[in-house]
């Protein structure tokens, strides 16, 4: 259990805690949720850098790292729907794609093979995390303004909401494109699943 794998497990462990904190209508809980998500993003960056630089890449890490990302991102997006900060259909497309690919990866791994991630998938994850972080900051600023901590004119500016919706929509489009690219790149592994079962 090396450091990159520990960081991956850290993201999995904090995901439900992050979701609970985000759904609590309390400014301190929301701040803690924002900090946890940022820590999760940093751990994703660090585990990849450490694994490559120190030669600590493992089969466990290659399989579980994307799952940890999908879990944290999915919990954030589902929470946004509950908080009316994101359109349900956008979240459904993103989460549906993530679980479809995760299911395919699991089935392929069962055959002792690995579906490799592409640069497009990594860019998609970065954009998703960026969009989620921006929305989390917006939620926290709204709470801080309501609590009288500060004045946040961006919160009441409709252009801010449009920008956040646009960023999340862009993340959704890249999620779909990267999913199609993922399936195409690994089509022979996926077709092998059907040939073995039918």
N, C-alpha and C. Protein backbone atom coordinates (compact mmCIF):
# COMPACT_ATOMS: atom_id res chain seq x y z
N UNK A 1 0.86 -1.19 0.00
CA UNK A 1 0.00 0.00 0.00
C UNK A 1 0.90 1.24 0.00
N UNK A 2 1.27 1.70 -1.19
CA UNK A 2 2.16 2.84 -1.29
C UNK A 2 1.38 4.16 -1.16
N UNK A 3 2.12 5.29 -1.23
CA UNK A 3 1.51 6.60 -1.02
C UNK A 3 0.44 6.92 -2.07
N UNK A 4 0.68 6.70 -3.37
CA UNK A 4 -0.38 6.97 -4.34
C UNK A 4 -1.67 6.20 -4.06
N UNK A 5 -1.55 4.94 -3.69
CA UNK A 5 -2.74 4.16 -3.39
C UNK A 5 -3.44 4.66 -2.13
N UNK A 6 -2.67 5.11 -1.16
CA UNK A 6 -3.26 5.68 0.05
C UNK A 6 -4.04 6.95 -0.26
N UNK A 7 -3.50 7.76 -1.17
CA UNK A 7 -4.19 8.99 -1.58
C UNK A 7 -5.49 8.65 -2.32
N UNK A 8 -5.47 7.59 -3.10
CA UNK A 8 -6.68 7.15 -3.80
C UNK A 8 -7.74 6.72 -2.79
N UNK A 9 -7.33 5.94 -1.80
CA UNK A 9 -8.27 5.50 -0.76
C UNK A 9 -8.76 6.68 0.07
N UNK A 10 -7.92 7.70 0.23
CA UNK A 10 -8.32 8.91 0.94
C UNK A 10 -9.50 9.58 0.23
N UNK A 11 -9.44 9.66 -1.11
CA UNK A 11 -10.53 10.27 -1.87
C UNK A 11 -11.82 9.47 -1.71
N UNK A 12 -11.70 8.16 -1.71
CA UNK A 12 -12.89 7.31 -1.54
C UNK A 12 -13.49 7.53 -0.15
N UNK A 13 -12.64 7.62 0.86
CA UNK A 13 -13.10 7.76 2.25
C UNK A 13 -13.79 9.11 2.49
N UNK A 14 -13.27 10.18 1.87
CA UNK A 14 -13.85 11.50 2.15
C UNK A 14 -15.10 11.79 1.33
N UNK A 15 -15.36 11.00 0.30
CA UNK A 15 -16.49 11.30 -0.58
C UNK A 15 -17.84 11.37 0.15
N UNK A 16 -18.21 10.36 0.95
CA UNK A 16 -19.49 10.47 1.66
C UNK A 16 -19.50 11.57 2.72
N UNK A 17 -18.34 11.80 3.35
CA UNK A 17 -18.25 12.87 4.35
C UNK A 17 -18.46 14.21 3.68
N UNK A 18 -17.82 14.39 2.53
CA UNK A 18 -17.99 15.63 1.75
C UNK A 18 -19.45 15.86 1.41
N UNK A 19 -20.14 14.81 0.96
CA UNK A 19 -21.54 14.95 0.55
C UNK A 19 -22.42 15.36 1.73
N UNK A 20 -22.22 14.73 2.87
CA UNK A 20 -23.01 15.06 4.06
C UNK A 20 -22.79 16.51 4.47
N UNK A 21 -21.53 16.94 4.49
CA UNK A 21 -21.21 18.32 4.88
C UNK A 21 -21.83 19.32 3.91
N UNK A 22 -21.80 19.02 2.63
CA UNK A 22 -22.33 19.93 1.63
C UNK A 22 -23.84 20.10 1.77
N UNK A 23 -24.53 19.03 2.15
CA UNK A 23 -25.99 19.07 2.24
C UNK A 23 -26.49 19.69 3.55
N UNK A 24 -25.59 19.89 4.50
CA UNK A 24 -25.96 20.55 5.75
C UNK A 24 -26.03 22.06 5.52
N UNK A 25 -27.14 22.69 5.88
CA UNK A 25 -27.29 24.13 5.66
C UNK A 25 -26.62 24.89 6.79
N UNK A 26 -25.29 24.88 6.76
CA UNK A 26 -24.49 25.55 7.77
C UNK A 26 -23.21 26.05 7.09
N UNK A 27 -22.86 27.30 7.33
CA UNK A 27 -21.73 27.89 6.62
C UNK A 27 -20.42 27.18 6.92
N UNK A 28 -20.27 26.70 8.15
CA UNK A 28 -19.02 26.00 8.51
C UNK A 28 -18.95 24.63 7.84
N UNK A 29 -20.10 23.97 7.76
CA UNK A 29 -20.15 22.68 7.07
C UNK A 29 -19.85 22.86 5.58
N UNK A 30 -20.39 23.92 4.99
CA UNK A 30 -20.15 24.18 3.57
C UNK A 30 -18.68 24.53 3.32
N UNK A 31 -18.08 25.27 4.23
CA UNK A 31 -16.65 25.59 4.09
C UNK A 31 -15.81 24.32 4.21
N UNK A 32 -16.19 23.45 5.15
CA UNK A 32 -15.47 22.18 5.31
C UNK A 32 -15.61 21.32 4.05
N UNK A 33 -16.81 21.32 3.45
CA UNK A 33 -17.04 20.56 2.22
C UNK A 33 -16.17 21.08 1.09
N UNK A 34 -16.09 22.40 0.97
CA UNK A 34 -15.24 23.01 -0.06
C UNK A 34 -13.78 22.62 0.14
N UNK A 35 -13.31 22.70 1.37
CA UNK A 35 -11.91 22.34 1.68
C UNK A 35 -11.65 20.87 1.39
N UNK A 36 -12.60 20.00 1.75
CA UNK A 36 -12.43 18.57 1.50
C UNK A 36 -12.35 18.28 0.01
N UNK A 37 -13.19 18.95 -0.77
CA UNK A 37 -13.16 18.70 -2.21
C UNK A 37 -11.85 19.16 -2.82
N UNK A 38 -11.36 20.32 -2.40
CA UNK A 38 -10.07 20.80 -2.90
C UNK A 38 -8.96 19.84 -2.51
N UNK A 39 -9.00 19.32 -1.28
CA UNK A 39 -8.02 18.32 -0.86
C UNK A 39 -8.10 17.07 -1.73
N UNK A 40 -9.32 16.67 -2.06
CA UNK A 40 -9.51 15.51 -2.92
C UNK A 40 -8.90 15.74 -4.30
N UNK A 41 -9.10 16.94 -4.85
CA UNK A 41 -8.51 17.28 -6.16
C UNK A 41 -6.99 17.26 -6.09
N UNK A 42 -6.44 17.84 -5.02
CA UNK A 42 -4.98 17.87 -4.86
C UNK A 42 -4.42 16.46 -4.71
N UNK A 43 -5.15 15.60 -3.99
CA UNK A 43 -4.68 14.22 -3.81
C UNK A 43 -4.68 13.47 -5.14
N UNK A 44 -5.64 13.81 -6.02
CA UNK A 44 -5.68 13.20 -7.35
C UNK A 44 -4.45 13.60 -8.16
N UNK A 45 -4.09 14.88 -8.06
CA UNK A 45 -2.90 15.37 -8.76
C UNK A 45 -1.63 14.74 -8.20
N UNK A 46 -1.56 14.69 -6.87
CA UNK A 46 -0.35 14.19 -6.22
C UNK A 46 -0.12 12.71 -6.46
N UNK A 47 -1.18 11.91 -6.39
CA UNK A 47 -0.96 10.46 -6.51
C UNK A 47 -0.44 10.10 -7.90
N UNK A 48 -0.90 10.83 -8.93
CA UNK A 48 -0.39 10.58 -10.27
C UNK A 48 1.06 10.99 -10.42
N UNK A 49 1.41 12.16 -9.89
CA UNK A 49 2.79 12.65 -9.98
C UNK A 49 3.74 11.73 -9.23
N UNK A 50 3.36 11.36 -8.00
CA UNK A 50 4.22 10.50 -7.18
C UNK A 50 4.38 9.13 -7.82
N UNK A 51 3.28 8.57 -8.32
CA UNK A 51 3.32 7.23 -8.93
C UNK A 51 4.27 7.19 -10.12
N UNK A 52 4.21 8.24 -10.96
CA UNK A 52 5.08 8.26 -12.14
C UNK A 52 6.53 8.58 -11.78
N UNK A 53 6.72 9.55 -10.90
CA UNK A 53 8.08 10.00 -10.58
C UNK A 53 8.84 8.97 -9.76
N UNK A 54 8.16 8.29 -8.86
CA UNK A 54 8.81 7.32 -7.98
C UNK A 54 8.64 5.89 -8.46
N UNK A 55 8.05 5.71 -9.63
CA UNK A 55 7.87 4.37 -10.17
C UNK A 55 6.97 3.50 -9.31
N UNK A 56 5.88 4.10 -8.78
CA UNK A 56 4.98 3.37 -7.88
C UNK A 56 3.63 3.09 -8.53
N UNK A 57 3.59 3.01 -9.84
CA UNK A 57 2.34 2.69 -10.52
C UNK A 57 2.00 1.21 -10.30
N UNK A 58 0.77 0.94 -9.92
CA UNK A 58 0.32 -0.43 -9.66
C UNK A 58 -1.00 -0.68 -10.39
N UNK A 59 -1.33 -1.96 -10.55
CA UNK A 59 -2.61 -2.32 -11.15
C UNK A 59 -3.77 -1.81 -10.32
N UNK A 60 -3.62 -1.88 -8.99
CA UNK A 60 -4.65 -1.37 -8.09
C UNK A 60 -4.87 0.12 -8.32
N UNK A 61 -3.77 0.88 -8.41
CA UNK A 61 -3.88 2.31 -8.60
C UNK A 61 -4.50 2.68 -9.93
N UNK A 62 -4.10 1.99 -11.00
CA UNK A 62 -4.65 2.28 -12.32
C UNK A 62 -6.15 2.01 -12.38
N UNK A 63 -6.59 1.00 -11.62
CA UNK A 63 -8.01 0.65 -11.63
C UNK A 63 -8.82 1.54 -10.69
N UNK A 64 -8.30 1.76 -9.47
CA UNK A 64 -9.06 2.45 -8.44
C UNK A 64 -9.02 3.97 -8.55
N UNK A 65 -7.95 4.53 -9.12
CA UNK A 65 -7.84 5.99 -9.20
C UNK A 65 -9.01 6.61 -9.95
N UNK A 66 -9.37 6.12 -11.15
CA UNK A 66 -10.54 6.71 -11.83
C UNK A 66 -11.84 6.49 -11.06
N UNK A 67 -11.96 5.37 -10.36
CA UNK A 67 -13.17 5.10 -9.59
C UNK A 67 -13.30 6.10 -8.44
N UNK A 68 -12.17 6.40 -7.78
CA UNK A 68 -12.18 7.37 -6.69
C UNK A 68 -12.61 8.75 -7.21
N UNK A 69 -12.11 9.12 -8.38
CA UNK A 69 -12.50 10.40 -8.99
C UNK A 69 -13.99 10.42 -9.29
N UNK A 70 -14.48 9.36 -9.90
CA UNK A 70 -15.90 9.28 -10.28
C UNK A 70 -16.80 9.35 -9.05
N UNK A 71 -16.39 8.70 -7.97
CA UNK A 71 -17.19 8.70 -6.75
C UNK A 71 -17.30 10.10 -6.17
N UNK A 72 -16.17 10.79 -6.04
CA UNK A 72 -16.16 12.14 -5.47
C UNK A 72 -16.95 13.10 -6.35
N UNK A 73 -16.73 13.04 -7.66
CA UNK A 73 -17.41 13.93 -8.59
C UNK A 73 -18.91 13.66 -8.62
N UNK A 74 -19.31 12.39 -8.64
CA UNK A 74 -20.73 12.03 -8.69
C UNK A 74 -21.46 12.51 -7.45
N UNK A 75 -20.85 12.35 -6.29
CA UNK A 75 -21.49 12.80 -5.04
C UNK A 75 -21.67 14.31 -5.02
N UNK A 76 -20.69 15.02 -5.57
CA UNK A 76 -20.81 16.48 -5.64
C UNK A 76 -21.96 16.88 -6.57
N UNK A 77 -22.03 16.26 -7.74
CA UNK A 77 -23.06 16.62 -8.72
C UNK A 77 -24.46 16.27 -8.24
N UNK A 78 -24.60 15.10 -7.62
CA UNK A 78 -25.91 14.70 -7.09
C UNK A 78 -26.35 15.68 -5.99
N UNK A 79 -25.40 16.12 -5.18
CA UNK A 79 -25.71 17.10 -4.14
C UNK A 79 -26.16 18.43 -4.76
N UNK A 80 -25.53 18.82 -5.87
CA UNK A 80 -25.92 20.06 -6.54
C UNK A 80 -27.36 20.01 -7.02
N UNK A 81 -27.79 18.84 -7.50
CA UNK A 81 -29.19 18.70 -7.91
C UNK A 81 -30.12 18.90 -6.71
N UNK A 82 -29.76 18.28 -5.59
CA UNK A 82 -30.56 18.42 -4.37
C UNK A 82 -30.61 19.88 -3.90
N UNK A 83 -29.52 20.60 -4.11
CA UNK A 83 -29.44 22.00 -3.69
C UNK A 83 -29.92 22.97 -4.79
N UNK A 84 -30.38 22.42 -5.91
CA UNK A 84 -30.85 23.20 -7.06
C UNK A 84 -29.75 24.12 -7.61
N UNK A 85 -28.55 23.58 -7.66
CA UNK A 85 -27.42 24.32 -8.21
C UNK A 85 -26.98 23.75 -9.56
N UNK A 86 -27.64 22.71 -10.02
CA UNK A 86 -27.31 22.10 -11.31
C UNK A 86 -28.55 21.44 -11.88
N UNK A 87 -28.65 21.45 -13.20
CA UNK A 87 -29.80 20.81 -13.86
C UNK A 87 -29.68 19.30 -13.74
N UNK A 88 -30.79 18.65 -13.40
CA UNK A 88 -30.77 17.20 -13.19
C UNK A 88 -30.35 16.44 -14.44
N UNK A 89 -30.77 16.91 -15.62
CA UNK A 89 -30.45 16.17 -16.85
C UNK A 89 -28.96 16.23 -17.17
N UNK A 90 -28.32 17.36 -16.85
CA UNK A 90 -26.88 17.48 -17.06
C UNK A 90 -26.13 16.50 -16.16
N UNK A 91 -26.54 16.47 -14.90
CA UNK A 91 -25.91 15.56 -13.94
C UNK A 91 -26.16 14.11 -14.32
N UNK A 92 -27.38 13.82 -14.79
CA UNK A 92 -27.71 12.45 -15.20
C UNK A 92 -26.81 11.98 -16.33
N UNK A 93 -26.54 12.86 -17.29
CA UNK A 93 -25.66 12.49 -18.41
C UNK A 93 -24.24 12.21 -17.91
N UNK A 94 -23.73 13.09 -17.06
CA UNK A 94 -22.36 12.93 -16.56
C UNK A 94 -22.23 11.68 -15.71
N UNK A 95 -23.12 11.53 -14.74
CA UNK A 95 -23.03 10.39 -13.82
C UNK A 95 -23.31 9.09 -14.56
N UNK A 96 -24.27 9.12 -15.50
CA UNK A 96 -24.56 7.92 -16.28
C UNK A 96 -23.36 7.46 -17.08
N UNK A 97 -22.67 8.41 -17.71
CA UNK A 97 -21.46 8.07 -18.47
C UNK A 97 -20.40 7.48 -17.56
N UNK A 98 -20.22 8.10 -16.39
CA UNK A 98 -19.17 7.64 -15.47
C UNK A 98 -19.42 6.21 -14.99
N UNK A 99 -20.67 5.91 -14.66
CA UNK A 99 -20.96 4.58 -14.17
C UNK A 99 -20.95 3.54 -15.29
N UNK A 100 -21.29 3.96 -16.51
CA UNK A 100 -21.19 3.04 -17.66
C UNK A 100 -19.74 2.64 -17.88
N UNK A 101 -18.85 3.62 -17.90
CA UNK A 101 -17.43 3.32 -18.12
C UNK A 101 -16.86 2.54 -16.95
N UNK A 102 -17.29 2.88 -15.73
CA UNK A 102 -16.81 2.15 -14.56
C UNK A 102 -17.25 0.69 -14.61
N UNK A 103 -18.47 0.46 -15.08
CA UNK A 103 -18.95 -0.91 -15.21
C UNK A 103 -18.16 -1.70 -16.25
N UNK A 104 -17.88 -1.05 -17.38
CA UNK A 104 -17.09 -1.70 -18.42
C UNK A 104 -15.68 -2.00 -17.93
N UNK A 105 -15.07 -1.05 -17.21
CA UNK A 105 -13.73 -1.26 -16.66
C UNK A 105 -13.72 -2.45 -15.70
N UNK A 106 -14.78 -2.56 -14.90
CA UNK A 106 -14.86 -3.65 -13.93
C UNK A 106 -14.98 -5.00 -14.63
N UNK A 107 -15.81 -5.07 -15.66
CA UNK A 107 -15.98 -6.32 -16.41
C UNK A 107 -14.69 -6.73 -17.12
N UNK A 108 -14.00 -5.73 -17.70
CA UNK A 108 -12.74 -6.02 -18.37
C UNK A 108 -11.68 -6.45 -17.37
N UNK A 109 -11.65 -5.80 -16.20
CA UNK A 109 -10.68 -6.16 -15.16
C UNK A 109 -10.92 -7.58 -14.66
N UNK A 110 -12.18 -8.01 -14.67
CA UNK A 110 -12.52 -9.38 -14.25
C UNK A 110 -11.83 -10.41 -15.15
N UNK A 111 -11.56 -9.99 -16.40
CA UNK A 111 -10.87 -10.87 -17.34
C UNK A 111 -9.35 -10.65 -17.29
N UNK A 112 -8.90 -9.95 -16.26
CA UNK A 112 -7.47 -9.67 -16.05
C UNK A 112 -6.87 -8.82 -17.16
N UNK A 113 -7.69 -7.87 -17.67
CA UNK A 113 -7.22 -6.91 -18.66
C UNK A 113 -7.51 -5.51 -18.14
N UNK A 114 -6.91 -4.50 -18.76
CA UNK A 114 -7.03 -3.14 -18.26
C UNK A 114 -7.41 -2.18 -19.39
N UNK A 115 -8.43 -1.35 -19.15
CA UNK A 115 -8.79 -0.29 -20.08
C UNK A 115 -8.05 0.97 -19.66
N UNK A 116 -7.13 1.41 -20.49
CA UNK A 116 -6.29 2.56 -20.17
C UNK A 116 -7.05 3.87 -20.39
N UNK A 117 -6.79 4.86 -19.50
CA UNK A 117 -7.38 6.18 -19.66
C UNK A 117 -6.60 6.96 -20.72
N UNK A 118 -7.25 7.92 -21.35
CA UNK A 118 -6.62 8.75 -22.37
C UNK A 118 -6.44 10.17 -21.82
N UNK A 119 -5.70 10.99 -22.56
CA UNK A 119 -5.52 12.39 -22.16
C UNK A 119 -6.86 13.12 -22.18
N UNK A 120 -7.76 12.70 -23.06
CA UNK A 120 -9.08 13.32 -23.13
C UNK A 120 -9.87 13.05 -21.85
N UNK A 121 -9.76 11.83 -21.33
CA UNK A 121 -10.45 11.48 -20.08
C UNK A 121 -9.87 12.27 -18.91
N UNK A 122 -8.57 12.46 -18.91
CA UNK A 122 -7.93 13.24 -17.83
C UNK A 122 -8.34 14.71 -17.91
N UNK A 123 -8.45 15.23 -19.14
CA UNK A 123 -8.90 16.62 -19.32
C UNK A 123 -10.34 16.76 -18.85
N UNK A 124 -11.16 15.77 -19.15
CA UNK A 124 -12.56 15.75 -18.71
C UNK A 124 -12.65 15.81 -17.19
N UNK A 125 -11.84 15.01 -16.51
CA UNK A 125 -11.85 14.99 -15.05
C UNK A 125 -11.44 16.35 -14.49
N UNK A 126 -10.41 16.95 -15.09
CA UNK A 126 -9.96 18.28 -14.65
C UNK A 126 -11.07 19.31 -14.81
N UNK A 127 -11.76 19.28 -15.96
CA UNK A 127 -12.83 20.26 -16.20
C UNK A 127 -14.00 20.04 -15.25
N UNK A 128 -14.33 18.78 -14.98
CA UNK A 128 -15.39 18.49 -14.02
C UNK A 128 -15.04 19.05 -12.64
N UNK A 129 -13.81 18.79 -12.21
CA UNK A 129 -13.38 19.27 -10.89
C UNK A 129 -13.35 20.79 -10.82
N UNK A 130 -12.95 21.42 -11.93
CA UNK A 130 -12.94 22.88 -11.99
C UNK A 130 -14.35 23.44 -11.87
N UNK A 131 -15.29 22.85 -12.60
CA UNK A 131 -16.68 23.31 -12.56
C UNK A 131 -17.27 23.11 -11.16
N UNK A 132 -17.00 21.97 -10.56
CA UNK A 132 -17.53 21.68 -9.22
C UNK A 132 -16.94 22.64 -8.19
N UNK A 133 -15.64 22.89 -8.27
CA UNK A 133 -15.00 23.82 -7.34
C UNK A 133 -15.60 25.21 -7.46
N UNK A 134 -15.85 25.65 -8.70
CA UNK A 134 -16.44 26.97 -8.92
C UNK A 134 -17.84 27.04 -8.31
N UNK A 135 -18.64 25.99 -8.48
CA UNK A 135 -20.00 25.98 -7.92
C UNK A 135 -19.94 25.93 -6.39
N UNK A 136 -19.01 25.17 -5.85
CA UNK A 136 -18.86 25.12 -4.39
C UNK A 136 -18.49 26.49 -3.84
N UNK A 137 -17.61 27.21 -4.53
CA UNK A 137 -17.24 28.56 -4.10
C UNK A 137 -18.46 29.48 -4.16
N UNK A 138 -19.27 29.33 -5.20
CA UNK A 138 -20.48 30.14 -5.35
C UNK A 138 -21.44 29.88 -4.18
N UNK A 139 -21.62 28.60 -3.84
CA UNK A 139 -22.51 28.24 -2.73
C UNK A 139 -21.99 28.83 -1.42
N UNK A 140 -20.68 28.69 -1.19
CA UNK A 140 -20.10 29.21 0.05
C UNK A 140 -20.20 30.74 0.11
N UNK A 141 -19.94 31.42 -1.00
CA UNK A 141 -20.05 32.88 -1.01
C UNK A 141 -21.47 33.33 -0.71
N UNK A 142 -22.45 32.59 -1.25
CA UNK A 142 -23.85 32.90 -0.96
C UNK A 142 -24.15 32.75 0.53
N UNK A 143 -23.64 31.68 1.14
CA UNK A 143 -23.83 31.48 2.58
C UNK A 143 -23.12 32.57 3.38
N UNK A 144 -21.91 32.93 2.94
CA UNK A 144 -21.13 33.94 3.66
C UNK A 144 -21.81 35.31 3.59
N UNK A 145 -22.40 35.60 2.43
CA UNK A 145 -23.12 36.87 2.30
C UNK A 145 -24.37 36.88 3.17
N UNK A 146 -25.09 35.75 3.19
CA UNK A 146 -26.30 35.66 4.02
C UNK A 146 -25.97 35.77 5.51
N UNK A 147 -24.77 35.28 5.89
CA UNK A 147 -24.36 35.34 7.29
C UNK A 147 -23.76 36.68 7.66
N UNK A 148 -23.61 37.56 6.68
CA UNK A 148 -23.04 38.88 6.94
C UNK A 148 -21.53 38.89 7.05
N UNK A 149 -20.89 37.84 6.56
CA UNK A 149 -19.43 37.77 6.63
C UNK A 149 -18.79 38.73 5.63
N UNK A 150 -19.41 38.86 4.46
CA UNK A 150 -18.84 39.69 3.41
C UNK A 150 -19.90 40.03 2.38
N UNK A 151 -19.55 40.99 1.53
CA UNK A 151 -20.42 41.33 0.41
C UNK A 151 -19.91 40.60 -0.83
N UNK A 152 -20.78 39.89 -1.49
CA UNK A 152 -20.40 39.11 -2.68
C UNK A 152 -21.34 39.44 -3.83
N UNK A 153 -21.07 40.56 -4.53
CA UNK A 153 -21.97 40.96 -5.63
C UNK A 153 -22.07 39.93 -6.74
N UNK A 154 -21.05 39.10 -6.90
CA UNK A 154 -21.09 38.07 -7.94
C UNK A 154 -22.22 37.08 -7.71
N UNK A 155 -22.58 36.87 -6.44
CA UNK A 155 -23.62 35.89 -6.11
C UNK A 155 -24.97 36.30 -6.68
N UNK A 156 -25.26 37.59 -6.65
CA UNK A 156 -26.56 38.08 -7.12
C UNK A 156 -26.54 38.48 -8.60
N UNK A 157 -25.38 38.36 -9.25
CA UNK A 157 -25.27 38.69 -10.67
C UNK A 157 -25.69 37.48 -11.51
N UNK A 158 -26.74 37.61 -12.32
CA UNK A 158 -27.20 36.45 -13.13
C UNK A 158 -26.13 35.93 -14.08
N UNK A 159 -25.17 36.78 -14.46
CA UNK A 159 -24.10 36.33 -15.35
C UNK A 159 -23.23 35.27 -14.69
N UNK A 160 -23.14 35.33 -13.36
CA UNK A 160 -22.36 34.31 -12.63
C UNK A 160 -23.00 32.94 -12.79
N UNK A 161 -24.32 32.89 -12.64
CA UNK A 161 -25.05 31.63 -12.80
C UNK A 161 -24.91 31.11 -14.22
N UNK A 162 -25.00 32.02 -15.21
CA UNK A 162 -24.85 31.60 -16.60
C UNK A 162 -23.45 31.02 -16.85
N UNK A 163 -22.44 31.67 -16.26
CA UNK A 163 -21.07 31.21 -16.44
C UNK A 163 -20.88 29.83 -15.82
N UNK A 164 -21.45 29.62 -14.63
CA UNK A 164 -21.33 28.33 -13.96
C UNK A 164 -22.07 27.24 -14.73
N UNK A 165 -23.27 27.58 -15.21
CA UNK A 165 -24.04 26.61 -16.01
C UNK A 165 -23.28 26.26 -17.29
N UNK A 166 -22.68 27.28 -17.90
CA UNK A 166 -21.92 27.06 -19.13
C UNK A 166 -20.70 26.17 -18.89
N UNK A 167 -20.02 26.39 -17.76
CA UNK A 167 -18.84 25.59 -17.43
C UNK A 167 -19.22 24.14 -17.19
N UNK A 168 -20.35 23.93 -16.49
CA UNK A 168 -20.80 22.56 -16.22
C UNK A 168 -21.28 21.89 -17.51
N UNK A 169 -21.93 22.67 -18.37
CA UNK A 169 -22.38 22.12 -19.66
C UNK A 169 -21.19 21.72 -20.52
N UNK A 170 -20.14 22.54 -20.51
CA UNK A 170 -18.93 22.21 -21.24
C UNK A 170 -18.30 20.92 -20.70
N UNK A 171 -18.31 20.79 -19.38
CA UNK A 171 -17.79 19.57 -18.75
C UNK A 171 -18.62 18.36 -19.18
N UNK A 172 -19.95 18.54 -19.28
CA UNK A 172 -20.82 17.45 -19.70
C UNK A 172 -20.51 17.03 -21.14
N UNK A 173 -20.33 18.02 -22.03
CA UNK A 173 -20.03 17.71 -23.43
C UNK A 173 -18.72 16.95 -23.56
N UNK A 174 -17.70 17.40 -22.83
CA UNK A 174 -16.42 16.71 -22.87
C UNK A 174 -16.52 15.32 -22.25
N UNK A 175 -17.39 15.18 -21.26
CA UNK A 175 -17.62 13.87 -20.64
C UNK A 175 -18.18 12.89 -21.66
N UNK A 176 -19.14 13.35 -22.44
CA UNK A 176 -19.75 12.49 -23.48
C UNK A 176 -18.73 12.14 -24.55
N UNK A 177 -17.99 13.15 -25.02
CA UNK A 177 -16.99 12.92 -26.07
C UNK A 177 -15.91 11.97 -25.59
N UNK A 178 -15.42 12.18 -24.37
CA UNK A 178 -14.37 11.30 -23.84
C UNK A 178 -14.89 9.89 -23.63
N UNK A 179 -16.19 9.75 -23.28
CA UNK A 179 -16.78 8.42 -23.12
C UNK A 179 -16.82 7.67 -24.44
N UNK A 180 -17.23 8.37 -25.50
CA UNK A 180 -17.24 7.74 -26.82
C UNK A 180 -15.83 7.38 -27.28
N UNK A 181 -14.88 8.27 -27.00
CA UNK A 181 -13.49 8.00 -27.35
C UNK A 181 -12.97 6.81 -26.57
N UNK A 182 -13.35 6.71 -25.29
CA UNK A 182 -12.93 5.62 -24.42
C UNK A 182 -13.43 4.28 -24.96
N UNK A 183 -14.70 4.26 -25.36
CA UNK A 183 -15.28 3.03 -25.90
C UNK A 183 -14.61 2.65 -27.22
N UNK A 184 -14.36 3.65 -28.07
CA UNK A 184 -13.73 3.37 -29.36
C UNK A 184 -12.32 2.82 -29.18
N UNK A 185 -11.55 3.46 -28.30
CA UNK A 185 -10.16 3.03 -28.08
C UNK A 185 -10.09 1.60 -27.53
N UNK A 186 -11.09 1.24 -26.73
CA UNK A 186 -11.07 -0.08 -26.08
C UNK A 186 -12.14 -1.01 -26.67
N UNK A 187 -12.52 -0.76 -27.92
CA UNK A 187 -13.63 -1.51 -28.52
C UNK A 187 -13.38 -3.01 -28.59
N UNK A 188 -12.12 -3.42 -28.82
CA UNK A 188 -11.85 -4.85 -28.93
C UNK A 188 -11.97 -5.54 -27.58
N UNK A 189 -11.58 -4.84 -26.51
CA UNK A 189 -11.77 -5.42 -25.17
C UNK A 189 -13.26 -5.54 -24.85
N UNK A 190 -14.02 -4.50 -25.22
CA UNK A 190 -15.46 -4.51 -24.93
C UNK A 190 -16.18 -5.56 -25.77
N UNK A 191 -15.83 -5.65 -27.05
CA UNK A 191 -16.44 -6.67 -27.91
C UNK A 191 -16.11 -8.07 -27.41
N UNK A 192 -14.92 -8.24 -26.82
CA UNK A 192 -14.54 -9.52 -26.25
C UNK A 192 -15.46 -9.96 -25.14
N UNK A 193 -16.00 -8.98 -24.40
CA UNK A 193 -16.94 -9.31 -23.33
C UNK A 193 -18.21 -9.95 -23.91
N UNK A 194 -18.69 -9.40 -25.02
CA UNK A 194 -19.92 -9.91 -25.64
C UNK A 194 -19.67 -11.25 -26.32
N UNK A 195 -18.50 -11.40 -26.94
CA UNK A 195 -18.20 -12.67 -27.60
C UNK A 195 -18.13 -13.82 -26.59
N UNK A 196 -17.63 -13.52 -25.39
CA UNK A 196 -17.50 -14.55 -24.37
C UNK A 196 -18.82 -14.92 -23.74
N UNK A 197 -19.80 -14.00 -23.81
CA UNK A 197 -21.06 -14.24 -23.09
C UNK A 197 -22.22 -14.61 -24.00
N UNK A 198 -22.04 -14.43 -25.33
CA UNK A 198 -23.15 -14.72 -26.23
C UNK A 198 -22.70 -15.68 -27.34
